Amino acid sequence: ENLLTAARAAHALGTGVVAFLGKGGGRLAGLADLSFIVPSDETSRIQEIHLAAEHIMAGLLEEQA
């Protein structure tokens, strides 16, 4: 519920929302401007894939700096 409230607040401020989600994405997927959904029911698998994506994104951002 806190994440849904945060997403709504971000939109009210004109800020985009990016969500790293698992399974079907849940209610937050509908509020996010960009959802990265790992279609798995295994929490550990979801976290592993999210972590890999985060490292890739960080590397790309560092290259742009």
N, C-alpha and C. Protein backbone atom coordinates (compact mmCIF):
# COMPACT_ATOMS: atom_id res chain seq x y z
N GLU A 1 0.82 -1.20 0.00
CA GLU A 1 0.00 0.00 0.00
C GLU A 1 0.87 1.26 0.00
N ASN A 2 2.00 1.22 0.69
CA ASN A 2 2.91 2.38 0.72
C ASN A 2 3.46 2.72 -0.66
N LEU A 3 3.77 1.70 -1.43
CA LEU A 3 4.31 1.94 -2.77
C LEU A 3 3.25 2.53 -3.70
N LEU A 4 2.01 2.12 -3.54
CA LEU A 4 0.93 2.69 -4.33
C LEU A 4 0.75 4.17 -3.99
N THR A 5 0.79 4.48 -2.71
CA THR A 5 0.68 5.86 -2.26
C THR A 5 1.84 6.69 -2.79
N ALA A 6 3.05 6.13 -2.75
CA ALA A 6 4.23 6.84 -3.24
C ALA A 6 4.13 7.09 -4.74
N ALA A 7 3.64 6.12 -5.50
CA ALA A 7 3.49 6.29 -6.95
C ALA A 7 2.48 7.39 -7.26
N ARG A 8 1.38 7.41 -6.55
CA ARG A 8 0.37 8.45 -6.76
C ARG A 8 0.94 9.83 -6.41
N ALA A 9 1.70 9.91 -5.32
CA ALA A 9 2.31 11.18 -4.92
C ALA A 9 3.33 11.64 -5.96
N ALA A 10 4.11 10.72 -6.50
CA ALA A 10 5.09 11.06 -7.53
C ALA A 10 4.39 11.63 -8.76
N HIS A 11 3.30 11.00 -9.17
CA HIS A 11 2.56 11.50 -10.33
C HIS A 11 1.99 12.89 -10.05
N ALA A 12 1.51 13.11 -8.84
CA ALA A 12 0.95 14.41 -8.47
C ALA A 12 2.01 15.50 -8.56
N LEU A 13 3.27 15.13 -8.35
CA LEU A 13 4.38 16.07 -8.44
C LEU A 13 4.97 16.16 -9.84
N GLY A 14 4.43 15.37 -10.75
CA GLY A 14 4.93 15.37 -12.12
C GLY A 14 6.16 14.52 -12.32
N THR A 15 6.41 13.62 -11.39
CA THR A 15 7.58 12.74 -11.47
C THR A 15 7.18 11.39 -12.04
N GLY A 16 8.05 10.83 -12.88
CA GLY A 16 7.79 9.51 -13.44
C GLY A 16 8.04 8.42 -12.41
N VAL A 17 7.43 7.27 -12.65
CA VAL A 17 7.55 6.15 -11.73
C VAL A 17 8.06 4.93 -12.50
N VAL A 18 9.15 4.36 -12.01
CA VAL A 18 9.70 3.13 -12.56
C VAL A 18 9.57 2.07 -11.48
N ALA A 19 9.04 0.91 -11.84
CA ALA A 19 8.82 -0.15 -10.85
C ALA A 19 9.48 -1.45 -11.29
N PHE A 20 10.20 -2.05 -10.36
CA PHE A 20 10.77 -3.38 -10.56
C PHE A 20 9.84 -4.34 -9.85
N LEU A 21 9.17 -5.21 -10.62
CA LEU A 21 8.11 -6.05 -10.07
C LEU A 21 8.30 -7.50 -10.44
N GLY A 22 7.56 -8.34 -9.78
CA GLY A 22 7.58 -9.77 -10.07
C GLY A 22 6.17 -10.28 -10.28
N LYS A 23 6.11 -11.57 -10.58
CA LYS A 23 4.83 -12.25 -10.83
C LYS A 23 4.06 -11.51 -11.92
N GLY A 24 2.87 -11.04 -11.65
CA GLY A 24 2.10 -10.33 -12.66
C GLY A 24 2.22 -8.83 -12.58
N GLY A 25 3.00 -8.33 -11.65
CA GLY A 25 3.19 -6.90 -11.50
C GLY A 25 2.28 -6.28 -10.46
N GLY A 26 1.12 -6.86 -10.23
CA GLY A 26 0.21 -6.35 -9.22
C GLY A 26 -0.34 -4.97 -9.55
N ARG A 27 -0.90 -4.33 -8.55
CA ARG A 27 -1.54 -3.03 -8.75
C ARG A 27 -0.55 -1.93 -9.10
N LEU A 28 0.69 -2.06 -8.64
CA LEU A 28 1.69 -1.03 -8.92
C LEU A 28 2.00 -0.95 -10.41
N ALA A 29 1.91 -2.05 -11.12
CA ALA A 29 2.20 -2.05 -12.56
C ALA A 29 1.31 -1.06 -13.30
N GLY A 30 0.07 -0.93 -12.85
CA GLY A 30 -0.86 -0.01 -13.50
C GLY A 30 -0.58 1.45 -13.19
N LEU A 31 0.18 1.72 -12.14
CA LEU A 31 0.51 3.10 -11.77
C LEU A 31 1.87 3.54 -12.27
N ALA A 32 2.71 2.60 -12.62
CA ALA A 32 4.07 2.93 -13.04
C ALA A 32 4.10 3.37 -14.50
N ASP A 33 4.99 4.30 -14.79
CA ASP A 33 5.19 4.73 -16.17
C ASP A 33 6.01 3.69 -16.93
N LEU A 34 6.87 3.02 -16.21
CA LEU A 34 7.70 1.96 -16.78
C LEU A 34 7.78 0.83 -15.75
N SER A 35 7.36 -0.35 -16.15
CA SER A 35 7.41 -1.51 -15.25
C SER A 35 8.36 -2.55 -15.81
N PHE A 36 9.28 -2.99 -14.98
CA PHE A 36 10.18 -4.09 -15.32
C PHE A 36 9.67 -5.29 -14.54
N ILE A 37 8.93 -6.17 -15.21
CA ILE A 37 8.26 -7.29 -14.54
C ILE A 37 8.97 -8.59 -14.87
N VAL A 38 9.38 -9.31 -13.83
CA VAL A 38 9.96 -10.64 -13.99
C VAL A 38 8.82 -11.63 -13.78
N PRO A 39 8.43 -12.35 -14.82
CA PRO A 39 7.27 -13.25 -14.72
C PRO A 39 7.60 -14.56 -14.01
N SER A 40 7.78 -14.47 -12.72
CA SER A 40 8.12 -15.64 -11.92
C SER A 40 7.41 -15.53 -10.57
N ASP A 41 7.16 -16.68 -9.96
CA ASP A 41 6.59 -16.71 -8.62
C ASP A 41 7.67 -16.91 -7.56
N GLU A 42 8.91 -17.14 -7.99
CA GLU A 42 10.01 -17.36 -7.05
C GLU A 42 10.69 -16.04 -6.70
N THR A 43 10.55 -15.64 -5.44
CA THR A 43 11.10 -14.36 -5.00
C THR A 43 12.60 -14.28 -5.26
N SER A 44 13.32 -15.34 -4.98
CA SER A 44 14.78 -15.31 -5.18
C SER A 44 15.13 -15.10 -6.65
N ARG A 45 14.41 -15.72 -7.56
CA ARG A 45 14.67 -15.56 -9.00
C ARG A 45 14.36 -14.12 -9.42
N ILE A 46 13.24 -13.58 -8.94
CA ILE A 46 12.87 -12.19 -9.25
C ILE A 46 13.96 -11.25 -8.80
N GLN A 47 14.44 -11.43 -7.57
CA GLN A 47 15.48 -10.56 -7.03
C GLN A 47 16.78 -10.66 -7.80
N GLU A 48 17.15 -11.87 -8.22
CA GLU A 48 18.38 -12.06 -8.99
C GLU A 48 18.32 -11.30 -10.30
N ILE A 49 17.20 -11.39 -10.98
CA ILE A 49 17.07 -10.74 -12.28
C ILE A 49 17.00 -9.22 -12.11
N HIS A 50 16.30 -8.77 -11.08
CA HIS A 50 16.25 -7.33 -10.81
C HIS A 50 17.65 -6.80 -10.51
N LEU A 51 18.41 -7.53 -9.72
CA LEU A 51 19.77 -7.09 -9.38
C LEU A 51 20.64 -6.99 -10.63
N ALA A 52 20.54 -7.97 -11.51
CA ALA A 52 21.31 -7.92 -12.75
C ALA A 52 20.91 -6.70 -13.58
N ALA A 53 19.61 -6.44 -13.69
CA ALA A 53 19.13 -5.28 -14.45
C ALA A 53 19.62 -3.97 -13.82
N GLU A 54 19.61 -3.91 -12.51
CA GLU A 54 20.08 -2.70 -11.82
C GLU A 54 21.56 -2.44 -12.11
N HIS A 55 22.36 -3.50 -12.13
CA HIS A 55 23.79 -3.34 -12.42
C HIS A 55 24.01 -2.86 -13.85
N ILE A 56 23.23 -3.40 -14.77
CA ILE A 56 23.35 -2.98 -16.17
C ILE A 56 22.98 -1.51 -16.30
N MET A 57 21.88 -1.12 -15.66
CA MET A 57 21.44 0.28 -15.72
C MET A 57 22.48 1.21 -15.10
N ALA A 58 23.05 0.82 -13.98
CA ALA A 58 24.08 1.64 -13.32
C ALA A 58 25.29 1.79 -14.24
N GLY A 59 25.69 0.73 -14.89
CA GLY A 59 26.82 0.79 -15.81
C GLY A 59 26.55 1.73 -16.98
N LEU A 60 25.34 1.68 -17.51
CA LEU A 60 24.99 2.57 -18.62
C LEU A 60 24.99 4.03 -18.18
N LEU A 61 24.48 4.28 -16.98
CA LEU A 61 24.48 5.64 -16.45
C LEU A 61 25.89 6.15 -16.20
N GLU A 62 26.76 5.30 -15.71
CA GLU A 62 28.14 5.71 -15.47
C GLU A 62 28.85 6.05 -16.78
N GLU A 63 28.53 5.32 -17.83
CA GLU A 63 29.14 5.61 -19.15
C GLU A 63 28.71 6.99 -19.65
N GLN A 64 27.53 7.41 -19.29
CA GLN A 64 26.99 8.70 -19.76
C GLN A 64 27.54 9.88 -18.93
N ALA A 65 28.12 9.59 -17.78
CA ALA A 65 28.60 10.67 -16.89
C ALA A 65 29.90 11.25 -17.38
